[in-house]
N, C-alpha and C. Protein backbone atom coordinates (compact mmCIF):
# COMPACT_ATOMS: atom_id res chain seq x y z
N UNK A 1 -42.82 155.73 85.59
CA UNK A 1 -43.98 154.90 85.93
C UNK A 1 -45.24 155.76 85.95
N UNK A 2 -46.33 155.19 85.51
CA UNK A 2 -47.61 155.90 85.46
C UNK A 2 -48.43 155.54 86.70
N UNK A 3 -48.84 156.58 87.44
CA UNK A 3 -49.51 156.37 88.73
C UNK A 3 -50.89 157.02 88.72
N UNK A 4 -51.86 156.31 89.27
CA UNK A 4 -53.21 156.85 89.46
C UNK A 4 -53.47 156.87 90.97
N UNK A 5 -54.01 158.00 91.48
CA UNK A 5 -54.21 158.17 92.92
C UNK A 5 -55.70 158.15 93.26
N UNK A 6 -56.05 157.36 94.28
CA UNK A 6 -57.43 157.31 94.77
C UNK A 6 -57.41 157.71 96.24
N UNK A 7 -57.98 158.87 96.54
CA UNK A 7 -57.96 159.42 97.90
C UNK A 7 -59.14 160.38 98.04
N UNK A 8 -59.96 160.17 99.08
CA UNK A 8 -61.16 160.99 99.21
C UNK A 8 -60.91 162.36 99.84
N UNK A 9 -59.77 162.56 100.48
CA UNK A 9 -59.44 163.87 101.04
C UNK A 9 -58.69 164.69 99.99
N UNK A 10 -59.33 165.76 99.53
CA UNK A 10 -58.80 166.54 98.41
C UNK A 10 -57.40 167.08 98.69
N UNK A 11 -57.17 167.56 99.90
CA UNK A 11 -55.87 168.15 100.23
C UNK A 11 -54.76 167.10 100.12
N UNK A 12 -55.01 165.92 100.67
CA UNK A 12 -54.02 164.84 100.61
C UNK A 12 -53.82 164.40 99.16
N UNK A 13 -54.92 164.24 98.44
CA UNK A 13 -54.85 163.78 97.05
C UNK A 13 -54.04 164.73 96.18
N UNK A 14 -54.33 166.02 96.31
CA UNK A 14 -53.65 167.01 95.47
C UNK A 14 -52.19 167.18 95.86
N UNK A 15 -51.90 167.14 97.16
CA UNK A 15 -50.51 167.28 97.61
C UNK A 15 -49.68 166.09 97.15
N UNK A 16 -50.24 164.90 97.25
CA UNK A 16 -49.52 163.70 96.83
C UNK A 16 -49.28 163.71 95.32
N UNK A 17 -50.29 164.10 94.57
CA UNK A 17 -50.15 164.16 93.11
C UNK A 17 -49.10 165.20 92.71
N UNK A 18 -49.13 166.35 93.37
CA UNK A 18 -48.17 167.40 93.04
C UNK A 18 -46.74 166.96 93.33
N UNK A 19 -46.54 166.32 94.49
CA UNK A 19 -45.18 165.89 94.84
C UNK A 19 -44.69 164.80 93.89
N UNK A 20 -45.54 163.83 93.59
CA UNK A 20 -45.12 162.74 92.71
C UNK A 20 -44.81 163.25 91.30
N UNK A 21 -45.57 164.23 90.85
CA UNK A 21 -45.33 164.77 89.50
C UNK A 21 -44.00 165.51 89.40
N UNK A 22 -43.44 165.89 90.54
CA UNK A 22 -42.13 166.54 90.54
C UNK A 22 -40.99 165.54 90.38
N UNK A 23 -41.30 164.26 90.53
CA UNK A 23 -40.28 163.22 90.44
C UNK A 23 -40.11 162.79 88.98
N UNK A 24 -38.87 162.74 88.54
CA UNK A 24 -38.60 162.45 87.13
C UNK A 24 -39.15 161.10 86.69
N UNK A 25 -39.21 160.14 87.63
CA UNK A 25 -39.60 158.78 87.27
C UNK A 25 -41.11 158.57 87.23
N UNK A 26 -41.87 159.60 87.66
CA UNK A 26 -43.31 159.40 87.88
C UNK A 26 -44.14 160.34 87.01
N UNK A 27 -45.23 159.80 86.48
CA UNK A 27 -46.25 160.61 85.83
C UNK A 27 -47.60 160.25 86.46
N UNK A 28 -48.23 161.22 87.12
CA UNK A 28 -49.56 160.98 87.68
C UNK A 28 -50.57 161.17 86.55
N UNK A 29 -51.20 160.08 86.14
CA UNK A 29 -52.08 160.12 84.97
C UNK A 29 -53.52 160.45 85.33
N UNK A 30 -53.84 160.45 86.63
CA UNK A 30 -55.19 160.78 87.03
C UNK A 30 -55.40 160.59 88.52
N UNK A 31 -56.50 161.16 89.02
CA UNK A 31 -56.87 161.01 90.42
C UNK A 31 -58.38 160.84 90.52
N UNK A 32 -58.83 160.27 91.63
CA UNK A 32 -60.26 160.19 91.89
C UNK A 32 -60.48 160.13 93.39
N UNK A 33 -61.72 160.39 93.81
CA UNK A 33 -62.01 160.39 95.24
C UNK A 33 -62.77 159.15 95.68
N UNK A 34 -63.08 158.25 94.76
CA UNK A 34 -63.79 157.02 95.13
C UNK A 34 -63.31 155.86 94.28
N UNK A 35 -63.52 154.66 94.81
CA UNK A 35 -63.10 153.46 94.08
C UNK A 35 -63.93 153.26 92.82
N UNK A 36 -65.22 153.60 92.89
CA UNK A 36 -66.08 153.43 91.72
C UNK A 36 -65.58 154.26 90.54
N UNK A 37 -65.22 155.52 90.81
CA UNK A 37 -64.67 156.38 89.76
C UNK A 37 -63.35 155.81 89.25
N UNK A 38 -62.56 155.32 90.18
CA UNK A 38 -61.22 154.85 89.83
C UNK A 38 -61.25 153.66 88.89
N UNK A 39 -62.18 152.75 89.09
CA UNK A 39 -62.21 151.52 88.28
C UNK A 39 -62.38 151.86 86.80
N UNK A 40 -63.32 152.76 86.49
CA UNK A 40 -63.52 153.14 85.09
C UNK A 40 -62.32 153.89 84.54
N UNK A 41 -61.77 154.81 85.35
CA UNK A 41 -60.64 155.61 84.89
C UNK A 41 -59.39 154.76 84.68
N UNK A 42 -59.14 153.85 85.60
CA UNK A 42 -57.95 153.00 85.50
C UNK A 42 -58.04 152.09 84.27
N UNK A 43 -59.23 151.63 83.98
CA UNK A 43 -59.42 150.78 82.80
C UNK A 43 -59.06 151.53 81.52
N UNK A 44 -59.38 152.85 81.49
CA UNK A 44 -59.08 153.66 80.30
C UNK A 44 -57.63 154.15 80.27
N UNK A 45 -57.11 154.57 81.43
CA UNK A 45 -55.79 155.19 81.48
C UNK A 45 -54.65 154.19 81.60
N UNK A 46 -54.94 153.00 82.09
CA UNK A 46 -53.96 151.92 82.22
C UNK A 46 -52.66 152.35 82.92
N UNK A 47 -52.75 152.80 84.16
CA UNK A 47 -51.53 153.14 84.91
C UNK A 47 -50.77 151.89 85.30
N UNK A 48 -49.51 152.08 85.65
CA UNK A 48 -48.72 150.96 86.17
C UNK A 48 -49.10 150.65 87.61
N UNK A 49 -49.38 151.72 88.37
CA UNK A 49 -49.66 151.58 89.80
C UNK A 49 -50.88 152.42 90.18
N UNK A 50 -51.74 151.84 91.01
CA UNK A 50 -52.84 152.58 91.63
C UNK A 50 -52.47 152.77 93.09
N UNK A 51 -52.30 154.02 93.50
CA UNK A 51 -51.97 154.36 94.89
C UNK A 51 -53.26 154.78 95.56
N UNK A 52 -53.74 153.98 96.51
CA UNK A 52 -55.12 154.11 96.96
C UNK A 52 -55.26 154.05 98.48
N UNK A 53 -56.11 154.94 99.00
CA UNK A 53 -56.49 154.85 100.41
C UNK A 53 -57.37 153.62 100.58
N UNK A 54 -57.42 153.09 101.79
CA UNK A 54 -58.19 151.87 102.02
C UNK A 54 -59.61 152.16 102.51
N UNK A 55 -59.81 153.33 103.12
CA UNK A 55 -61.14 153.70 103.61
C UNK A 55 -61.69 154.80 102.71
N UNK A 56 -62.61 154.42 101.84
CA UNK A 56 -63.15 155.33 100.84
C UNK A 56 -64.68 155.35 100.92
N UNK A 57 -65.31 156.43 100.46
CA UNK A 57 -66.77 156.42 100.41
C UNK A 57 -67.25 155.38 99.40
N UNK A 58 -68.35 154.71 99.72
CA UNK A 58 -68.85 153.68 98.81
C UNK A 58 -68.05 152.41 98.96
N UNK A 59 -67.56 151.89 97.85
CA UNK A 59 -66.79 150.65 97.86
C UNK A 59 -65.50 150.83 98.64
N UNK A 60 -65.20 149.90 99.52
CA UNK A 60 -64.00 149.99 100.34
C UNK A 60 -62.76 149.67 99.52
N UNK A 61 -61.60 150.01 100.09
CA UNK A 61 -60.35 149.71 99.42
C UNK A 61 -60.15 148.23 99.18
N UNK A 62 -60.55 147.40 100.16
CA UNK A 62 -60.39 145.95 100.01
C UNK A 62 -61.24 145.44 98.86
N UNK A 63 -62.50 145.87 98.79
CA UNK A 63 -63.37 145.45 97.68
C UNK A 63 -62.83 145.93 96.34
N UNK A 64 -62.31 147.15 96.32
CA UNK A 64 -61.85 147.71 95.05
C UNK A 64 -60.57 147.03 94.56
N UNK A 65 -59.76 146.50 95.47
CA UNK A 65 -58.58 145.73 95.05
C UNK A 65 -59.03 144.57 94.17
N UNK A 66 -60.06 143.87 94.64
CA UNK A 66 -60.54 142.71 93.90
C UNK A 66 -61.16 143.11 92.56
N UNK A 67 -61.91 144.23 92.55
CA UNK A 67 -62.52 144.69 91.30
C UNK A 67 -61.45 145.15 90.31
N UNK A 68 -60.48 145.91 90.80
CA UNK A 68 -59.41 146.39 89.93
C UNK A 68 -58.59 145.23 89.38
N UNK A 69 -58.34 144.24 90.23
CA UNK A 69 -57.53 143.09 89.80
C UNK A 69 -58.21 142.33 88.67
N UNK A 70 -59.54 142.26 88.72
CA UNK A 70 -60.26 141.52 87.68
C UNK A 70 -60.42 142.34 86.40
N UNK A 71 -60.60 143.66 86.53
CA UNK A 71 -60.86 144.50 85.35
C UNK A 71 -59.59 145.13 84.79
N UNK A 72 -58.59 145.32 85.64
CA UNK A 72 -57.33 145.95 85.21
C UNK A 72 -56.16 145.14 85.77
N UNK A 73 -55.98 143.92 85.32
CA UNK A 73 -55.01 143.01 85.94
C UNK A 73 -53.56 143.48 85.86
N UNK A 74 -53.25 144.38 84.94
CA UNK A 74 -51.86 144.82 84.81
C UNK A 74 -51.48 145.91 85.81
N UNK A 75 -52.48 146.54 86.43
CA UNK A 75 -52.20 147.62 87.39
C UNK A 75 -51.87 147.03 88.76
N UNK A 76 -50.76 147.46 89.33
CA UNK A 76 -50.39 147.03 90.67
C UNK A 76 -51.00 148.01 91.67
N UNK A 77 -51.51 147.49 92.77
CA UNK A 77 -52.23 148.31 93.73
C UNK A 77 -51.42 148.47 95.01
N UNK A 78 -51.17 149.72 95.38
CA UNK A 78 -50.45 150.03 96.61
C UNK A 78 -51.39 150.83 97.50
N UNK A 79 -51.64 150.33 98.69
CA UNK A 79 -52.52 151.01 99.63
C UNK A 79 -51.72 151.97 100.49
N UNK A 80 -52.28 153.16 100.71
CA UNK A 80 -51.66 154.13 101.61
C UNK A 80 -52.75 154.60 102.56
N UNK A 81 -52.57 154.39 103.84
CA UNK A 81 -53.65 154.56 104.80
C UNK A 81 -53.13 155.00 106.16
N UNK A 82 -54.04 155.47 106.98
CA UNK A 82 -53.70 155.76 108.37
C UNK A 82 -54.10 154.64 109.30
N UNK A 83 -54.62 153.56 108.73
CA UNK A 83 -55.15 152.44 109.51
C UNK A 83 -54.03 151.44 109.83
N UNK A 84 -53.73 151.28 111.10
CA UNK A 84 -52.68 150.34 111.51
C UNK A 84 -53.25 149.03 112.04
N UNK A 85 -54.55 148.84 111.88
CA UNK A 85 -55.21 147.63 112.37
C UNK A 85 -54.66 146.39 111.66
N UNK A 86 -54.32 145.36 112.42
CA UNK A 86 -53.71 144.16 111.83
C UNK A 86 -54.67 143.45 110.88
N UNK A 87 -55.96 143.46 111.21
CA UNK A 87 -56.93 142.79 110.35
C UNK A 87 -56.99 143.46 108.98
N UNK A 88 -56.89 144.79 108.95
CA UNK A 88 -56.90 145.53 107.69
C UNK A 88 -55.68 145.16 106.85
N UNK A 89 -54.53 145.12 107.48
CA UNK A 89 -53.30 144.75 106.78
C UNK A 89 -53.40 143.33 106.23
N UNK A 90 -53.89 142.42 107.04
CA UNK A 90 -54.02 141.02 106.64
C UNK A 90 -54.96 140.89 105.45
N UNK A 91 -56.12 141.58 105.51
CA UNK A 91 -57.09 141.52 104.42
C UNK A 91 -56.52 142.12 103.13
N UNK A 92 -55.78 143.22 103.27
CA UNK A 92 -55.21 143.87 102.09
C UNK A 92 -54.23 142.95 101.38
N UNK A 93 -53.38 142.29 102.14
CA UNK A 93 -52.41 141.38 101.55
C UNK A 93 -53.11 140.20 100.88
N UNK A 94 -54.11 139.65 101.56
CA UNK A 94 -54.85 138.52 100.99
C UNK A 94 -55.64 138.91 99.75
N UNK A 95 -56.09 140.17 99.68
CA UNK A 95 -56.88 140.62 98.54
C UNK A 95 -56.04 140.84 97.29
N UNK A 96 -54.72 140.92 97.47
CA UNK A 96 -53.85 141.03 96.30
C UNK A 96 -53.12 142.35 96.15
N UNK A 97 -53.10 143.17 97.20
CA UNK A 97 -52.35 144.43 97.13
C UNK A 97 -50.86 144.15 96.94
N UNK A 98 -50.19 145.05 96.23
CA UNK A 98 -48.75 144.91 96.01
C UNK A 98 -47.93 145.73 97.00
N UNK A 99 -48.63 146.50 97.84
CA UNK A 99 -47.93 147.30 98.83
C UNK A 99 -48.89 147.83 99.87
N UNK A 100 -48.35 148.12 101.04
CA UNK A 100 -49.16 148.65 102.15
C UNK A 100 -48.31 149.69 102.86
N UNK A 101 -48.71 150.97 102.74
CA UNK A 101 -47.96 152.07 103.33
C UNK A 101 -48.85 152.85 104.28
N UNK A 102 -48.24 153.44 105.30
CA UNK A 102 -48.97 154.31 106.23
C UNK A 102 -48.76 155.76 105.83
N UNK A 103 -49.75 156.59 106.14
CA UNK A 103 -49.67 158.00 105.74
C UNK A 103 -48.63 158.78 106.52
N UNK A 104 -48.05 158.17 107.52
CA UNK A 104 -46.96 158.81 108.26
C UNK A 104 -45.61 158.63 107.55
N UNK A 105 -45.60 157.89 106.45
CA UNK A 105 -44.35 157.59 105.75
C UNK A 105 -43.78 158.85 105.10
N UNK A 106 -42.46 158.93 105.00
CA UNK A 106 -41.80 160.06 104.36
C UNK A 106 -42.01 159.97 102.85
N UNK A 107 -42.20 161.11 102.17
CA UNK A 107 -42.42 161.08 100.71
C UNK A 107 -41.36 160.30 99.94
N UNK A 108 -40.11 160.42 100.35
CA UNK A 108 -39.05 159.68 99.65
C UNK A 108 -39.25 158.17 99.76
N UNK A 109 -39.82 157.74 100.89
CA UNK A 109 -40.08 156.31 101.06
C UNK A 109 -41.24 155.85 100.17
N UNK A 110 -42.19 156.76 99.91
CA UNK A 110 -43.27 156.43 98.98
C UNK A 110 -42.69 156.15 97.60
N UNK A 111 -41.80 157.03 97.16
CA UNK A 111 -41.17 156.85 95.85
C UNK A 111 -40.38 155.55 95.79
N UNK A 112 -39.65 155.27 96.86
CA UNK A 112 -38.87 154.03 96.91
C UNK A 112 -39.79 152.81 96.86
N UNK A 113 -40.92 152.91 97.56
CA UNK A 113 -41.88 151.80 97.57
C UNK A 113 -42.46 151.56 96.18
N UNK A 114 -42.79 152.64 95.47
CA UNK A 114 -43.33 152.49 94.12
C UNK A 114 -42.31 151.85 93.18
N UNK A 115 -41.06 152.22 93.34
CA UNK A 115 -40.00 151.61 92.53
C UNK A 115 -39.87 150.12 92.85
N UNK A 116 -39.98 149.78 94.12
CA UNK A 116 -39.91 148.37 94.52
C UNK A 116 -41.04 147.57 93.88
N UNK A 117 -42.23 148.14 93.89
CA UNK A 117 -43.38 147.45 93.30
C UNK A 117 -43.18 147.28 91.79
N UNK A 118 -42.67 148.29 91.13
CA UNK A 118 -42.41 148.19 89.69
C UNK A 118 -41.36 147.11 89.39
N UNK A 119 -40.48 146.87 90.35
CA UNK A 119 -39.45 145.84 90.18
C UNK A 119 -39.97 144.44 90.50
N UNK A 120 -41.25 144.37 90.87
CA UNK A 120 -41.84 143.07 91.15
C UNK A 120 -41.82 142.66 92.61
N UNK A 121 -41.45 143.59 93.49
CA UNK A 121 -41.39 143.30 94.91
C UNK A 121 -42.65 143.78 95.63
N UNK A 122 -42.83 143.31 96.85
CA UNK A 122 -43.94 143.78 97.69
C UNK A 122 -43.42 144.90 98.57
N UNK A 123 -44.12 146.04 98.60
CA UNK A 123 -43.68 147.19 99.38
C UNK A 123 -44.44 147.27 100.69
N UNK A 124 -43.71 147.29 101.79
CA UNK A 124 -44.33 147.38 103.11
C UNK A 124 -43.78 148.57 103.87
N UNK A 125 -44.68 149.29 104.54
CA UNK A 125 -44.23 150.34 105.43
C UNK A 125 -43.31 149.73 106.50
N UNK A 126 -42.20 150.38 106.81
CA UNK A 126 -41.25 149.80 107.78
C UNK A 126 -41.89 149.44 109.12
N UNK A 127 -42.94 150.16 109.51
CA UNK A 127 -43.53 149.92 110.83
C UNK A 127 -44.38 148.65 110.88
N UNK A 128 -44.71 148.06 109.73
CA UNK A 128 -45.55 146.85 109.75
C UNK A 128 -44.79 145.60 109.29
N UNK A 129 -43.52 145.75 108.97
CA UNK A 129 -42.73 144.60 108.52
C UNK A 129 -42.71 143.51 109.58
N UNK A 130 -42.55 143.90 110.85
CA UNK A 130 -42.49 142.92 111.93
C UNK A 130 -43.77 142.11 112.05
N UNK A 131 -44.92 142.76 111.83
CA UNK A 131 -46.20 142.05 111.92
C UNK A 131 -46.29 140.98 110.84
N UNK A 132 -45.90 141.33 109.62
CA UNK A 132 -45.98 140.38 108.52
C UNK A 132 -45.01 139.22 108.72
N UNK A 133 -43.82 139.53 109.22
CA UNK A 133 -42.85 138.46 109.49
C UNK A 133 -43.40 137.50 110.55
N UNK A 134 -44.05 138.06 111.58
CA UNK A 134 -44.61 137.21 112.63
C UNK A 134 -45.71 136.32 112.06
N UNK A 135 -46.55 136.88 111.19
CA UNK A 135 -47.60 136.06 110.57
C UNK A 135 -47.00 134.92 109.76
N UNK A 136 -45.93 135.22 109.03
CA UNK A 136 -45.32 134.19 108.19
C UNK A 136 -44.83 133.02 109.03
N UNK A 137 -44.19 133.34 110.15
CA UNK A 137 -43.68 132.29 111.03
C UNK A 137 -44.82 131.52 111.68
N UNK A 138 -45.76 132.27 112.26
CA UNK A 138 -46.87 131.61 112.96
C UNK A 138 -47.77 130.87 111.98
N UNK A 139 -47.95 131.45 110.79
CA UNK A 139 -48.80 130.80 109.80
C UNK A 139 -48.24 129.46 109.37
N UNK A 140 -46.93 129.40 109.16
CA UNK A 140 -46.30 128.15 108.77
C UNK A 140 -46.45 127.11 109.87
N UNK A 141 -46.23 127.53 111.11
CA UNK A 141 -46.35 126.59 112.22
C UNK A 141 -47.79 126.14 112.41
N UNK A 142 -48.72 127.09 112.26
CA UNK A 142 -50.13 126.76 112.47
C UNK A 142 -50.61 125.76 111.43
N UNK A 143 -50.28 126.01 110.17
CA UNK A 143 -50.71 125.11 109.10
C UNK A 143 -50.16 123.71 109.34
N UNK A 144 -48.91 123.64 109.73
CA UNK A 144 -48.28 122.35 109.98
C UNK A 144 -48.97 121.62 111.14
N UNK A 145 -49.23 122.35 112.21
CA UNK A 145 -49.75 121.69 113.40
C UNK A 145 -51.24 121.38 113.30
N UNK A 146 -51.96 122.08 112.44
CA UNK A 146 -53.39 121.80 112.28
C UNK A 146 -53.64 120.63 111.33
N UNK A 147 -52.57 120.13 110.72
CA UNK A 147 -52.74 119.09 109.72
C UNK A 147 -53.48 117.87 110.22
N UNK A 148 -53.26 117.45 111.46
CA UNK A 148 -53.89 116.24 111.97
C UNK A 148 -54.86 116.55 113.11
N UNK A 149 -55.36 117.78 113.14
CA UNK A 149 -56.28 118.17 114.21
C UNK A 149 -57.71 117.79 113.86
N UNK A 150 -58.60 117.71 114.87
CA UNK A 150 -60.00 117.33 114.63
C UNK A 150 -60.90 118.53 114.32
N UNK A 151 -60.33 119.66 113.96
CA UNK A 151 -61.11 120.88 113.78
C UNK A 151 -61.84 120.90 112.44
N UNK A 152 -63.02 121.54 112.46
CA UNK A 152 -63.75 121.75 111.21
C UNK A 152 -63.08 122.86 110.41
N UNK A 153 -63.53 123.05 109.17
CA UNK A 153 -62.94 124.09 108.32
C UNK A 153 -63.10 125.47 108.94
N UNK A 154 -64.29 125.77 109.46
CA UNK A 154 -64.53 127.07 110.09
C UNK A 154 -63.68 127.24 111.34
N UNK A 155 -63.56 126.17 112.13
CA UNK A 155 -62.73 126.24 113.33
C UNK A 155 -61.26 126.48 112.98
N UNK A 156 -60.82 125.91 111.88
CA UNK A 156 -59.44 126.16 111.43
C UNK A 156 -59.25 127.63 111.08
N UNK A 157 -60.24 128.22 110.39
CA UNK A 157 -60.15 129.63 110.03
C UNK A 157 -60.06 130.50 111.28
N UNK A 158 -60.92 130.21 112.26
CA UNK A 158 -60.91 130.97 113.51
C UNK A 158 -59.57 130.78 114.23
N UNK A 159 -59.09 129.55 114.26
CA UNK A 159 -57.84 129.25 114.97
C UNK A 159 -56.66 129.97 114.34
N UNK A 160 -56.59 129.98 113.01
CA UNK A 160 -55.45 130.60 112.34
C UNK A 160 -55.44 132.11 112.55
N UNK A 161 -56.61 132.73 112.65
CA UNK A 161 -56.67 134.17 112.94
C UNK A 161 -56.34 134.43 114.41
N UNK A 162 -56.82 133.56 115.29
CA UNK A 162 -56.56 133.74 116.72
C UNK A 162 -55.08 133.67 117.03
N UNK A 163 -54.37 132.75 116.38
CA UNK A 163 -52.95 132.59 116.67
C UNK A 163 -52.14 133.77 116.15
N UNK A 164 -52.69 134.51 115.20
CA UNK A 164 -52.02 135.70 114.69
C UNK A 164 -52.31 136.92 115.56
N UNK A 165 -53.10 136.73 116.60
CA UNK A 165 -53.34 137.82 117.53
C UNK A 165 -54.59 138.63 117.26
N UNK A 166 -55.45 138.18 116.33
CA UNK A 166 -56.68 138.90 116.06
C UNK A 166 -57.62 138.81 117.27
N UNK A 167 -58.32 139.89 117.55
CA UNK A 167 -59.32 139.87 118.62
C UNK A 167 -60.57 139.15 118.12
N UNK A 168 -61.47 138.82 119.06
CA UNK A 168 -62.72 138.17 118.66
C UNK A 168 -63.51 139.04 117.69
N UNK A 169 -63.53 140.35 117.93
CA UNK A 169 -64.27 141.25 117.04
C UNK A 169 -63.64 141.28 115.65
N UNK A 170 -62.32 141.30 115.57
CA UNK A 170 -61.64 141.31 114.28
C UNK A 170 -61.88 140.01 113.52
N UNK A 171 -61.88 138.89 114.24
CA UNK A 171 -62.18 137.60 113.60
C UNK A 171 -63.61 137.61 113.08
N UNK A 172 -64.53 138.13 113.89
CA UNK A 172 -65.94 138.18 113.49
C UNK A 172 -66.11 139.02 112.23
N UNK A 173 -65.45 140.18 112.18
CA UNK A 173 -65.57 141.06 111.02
C UNK A 173 -65.01 140.38 109.77
N UNK A 174 -63.90 139.70 109.93
CA UNK A 174 -63.26 139.07 108.76
C UNK A 174 -64.07 137.90 108.22
N UNK A 175 -64.67 137.12 109.11
CA UNK A 175 -65.39 135.92 108.70
C UNK A 175 -66.90 136.14 108.55
N UNK A 176 -67.34 137.39 108.79
CA UNK A 176 -68.76 137.74 108.66
C UNK A 176 -69.64 136.91 109.59
N UNK A 177 -69.18 136.79 110.83
CA UNK A 177 -69.96 136.11 111.86
C UNK A 177 -69.98 137.02 113.09
N UNK A 178 -70.77 136.66 114.09
CA UNK A 178 -70.87 137.50 115.28
C UNK A 178 -69.74 137.18 116.26
N UNK A 179 -69.39 138.14 117.13
CA UNK A 179 -68.37 137.86 118.16
C UNK A 179 -68.76 136.69 119.06
N UNK A 180 -70.07 136.53 119.32
CA UNK A 180 -70.52 135.41 120.15
C UNK A 180 -70.25 134.08 119.46
N UNK A 181 -70.42 134.05 118.13
CA UNK A 181 -70.12 132.83 117.38
C UNK A 181 -68.63 132.53 117.43
N UNK A 182 -67.82 133.57 117.38
CA UNK A 182 -66.36 133.38 117.50
C UNK A 182 -66.04 132.75 118.86
N UNK A 183 -66.65 133.27 119.93
CA UNK A 183 -66.40 132.72 121.26
C UNK A 183 -66.79 131.25 121.33
N UNK A 184 -67.92 130.92 120.69
CA UNK A 184 -68.36 129.52 120.68
C UNK A 184 -67.35 128.64 119.95
N UNK A 185 -66.85 129.12 118.81
CA UNK A 185 -65.84 128.36 118.07
C UNK A 185 -64.59 128.16 118.91
N UNK A 186 -64.16 129.20 119.60
CA UNK A 186 -62.93 129.09 120.41
C UNK A 186 -63.13 128.10 121.55
N UNK A 187 -64.33 128.11 122.16
CA UNK A 187 -64.60 127.11 123.21
C UNK A 187 -64.54 125.70 122.64
N UNK A 188 -65.14 125.51 121.45
CA UNK A 188 -65.14 124.18 120.84
C UNK A 188 -63.72 123.75 120.43
N UNK A 189 -62.95 124.71 119.91
CA UNK A 189 -61.56 124.42 119.54
C UNK A 189 -60.77 123.99 120.77
N UNK A 190 -60.93 124.74 121.85
CA UNK A 190 -60.21 124.43 123.09
C UNK A 190 -60.59 123.05 123.61
N UNK A 191 -61.88 122.73 123.54
CA UNK A 191 -62.35 121.41 124.01
C UNK A 191 -61.76 120.30 123.15
N UNK A 192 -61.79 120.47 121.83
CA UNK A 192 -61.29 119.43 120.93
C UNK A 192 -59.78 119.21 121.07
N UNK A 193 -59.06 120.30 121.35
CA UNK A 193 -57.60 120.20 121.44
C UNK A 193 -57.13 119.90 122.86
N UNK A 194 -58.07 119.93 123.82
CA UNK A 194 -57.71 119.60 125.19
C UNK A 194 -56.92 120.67 125.89
N UNK A 195 -57.22 121.94 125.59
CA UNK A 195 -56.53 123.03 126.27
C UNK A 195 -57.52 123.78 127.15
N UNK A 196 -56.99 124.56 128.11
CA UNK A 196 -57.84 125.15 129.13
C UNK A 196 -58.08 126.64 128.98
N UNK A 197 -57.26 127.33 128.20
CA UNK A 197 -57.42 128.77 128.06
C UNK A 197 -56.77 129.23 126.77
N UNK A 198 -56.91 130.54 126.47
CA UNK A 198 -56.39 131.06 125.21
C UNK A 198 -54.87 130.96 125.12
N UNK A 199 -54.20 131.12 126.24
CA UNK A 199 -52.74 131.02 126.24
C UNK A 199 -52.30 129.63 125.80
N UNK A 200 -52.93 128.60 126.36
CA UNK A 200 -52.59 127.23 125.98
C UNK A 200 -53.01 126.95 124.54
N UNK A 201 -54.15 127.52 124.12
CA UNK A 201 -54.62 127.33 122.75
C UNK A 201 -53.59 127.88 121.76
N UNK A 202 -53.11 129.10 122.01
CA UNK A 202 -52.12 129.69 121.10
C UNK A 202 -50.83 128.88 121.10
N UNK A 203 -50.43 128.39 122.28
CA UNK A 203 -49.22 127.58 122.35
C UNK A 203 -49.38 126.30 121.54
N UNK A 204 -50.55 125.67 121.62
CA UNK A 204 -50.81 124.43 120.87
C UNK A 204 -50.75 124.72 119.37
N UNK A 205 -51.41 125.80 118.95
CA UNK A 205 -51.48 126.12 117.53
C UNK A 205 -50.11 126.50 116.97
N UNK A 206 -49.26 127.08 117.81
CA UNK A 206 -47.92 127.45 117.36
C UNK A 206 -46.96 126.27 117.39
N UNK A 207 -47.42 125.14 117.88
CA UNK A 207 -46.55 123.98 117.94
C UNK A 207 -45.69 123.95 119.18
N UNK A 208 -45.96 124.86 120.13
CA UNK A 208 -45.15 124.90 121.35
C UNK A 208 -45.68 123.93 122.40
N UNK A 209 -46.92 123.46 122.20
CA UNK A 209 -47.54 122.54 123.16
C UNK A 209 -48.00 121.33 122.37
N UNK A 210 -47.21 120.27 122.38
CA UNK A 210 -47.47 119.12 121.52
C UNK A 210 -48.45 118.13 122.12
N UNK A 211 -48.63 118.16 123.43
CA UNK A 211 -49.58 117.25 124.07
C UNK A 211 -50.50 118.07 124.95
N UNK A 212 -51.74 117.61 125.19
CA UNK A 212 -52.65 118.35 126.05
C UNK A 212 -52.05 118.57 127.42
N UNK A 213 -52.30 119.73 128.05
CA UNK A 213 -51.78 119.99 129.39
C UNK A 213 -52.35 119.02 130.39
N UNK A 214 -51.62 118.78 131.46
CA UNK A 214 -52.07 117.83 132.47
C UNK A 214 -53.36 118.32 133.10
N UNK A 215 -54.24 117.38 133.39
CA UNK A 215 -55.50 117.72 134.03
C UNK A 215 -56.60 118.03 133.05
N UNK A 216 -56.32 118.00 131.71
CA UNK A 216 -57.36 118.29 130.73
C UNK A 216 -58.01 117.01 130.26
């Protein structure tokens, strides 16, 4: 498999490239320290996989996933990062990444993940599998239970992130609104659904609370 590495820390970039080149199944066709450089290089070199950090100078990893997907649709993108923030993971998956690995992963697991991606699977670091599974369950329940709710489109977006455990600040960052606006949406959501606090709100959204609590 042909791999291109995008990493702004030279030591990490060179060590990763050297180790991968020692593997019989891998050819590192190029490296870069920024997403902007990578987009042009990937278009010319046409690697099978782009192994990329998510926090880069200039264009972020999330933005570059979208740019690479449009300009180099055949390249699969695997993120490798030290960021364990749930919002980052959620955004990466939604942006179209084919894998999400943490920099604490063992090198052999990196190779296994790249093979999984080449086989058409999604590669996840073992430490974040539980988070994604929880989202899948809660997301299915949330979508089902919001079907007949009186919420606006924006309130639905806020509600679906809230039920996944995102903080107000994380919701604000993802939706490009202020934390105060998030608080206002949550108050309005609670009022419309007849719940009294965040605990009851999450229970309602998960389908665990089918009728408004008494006294509301």
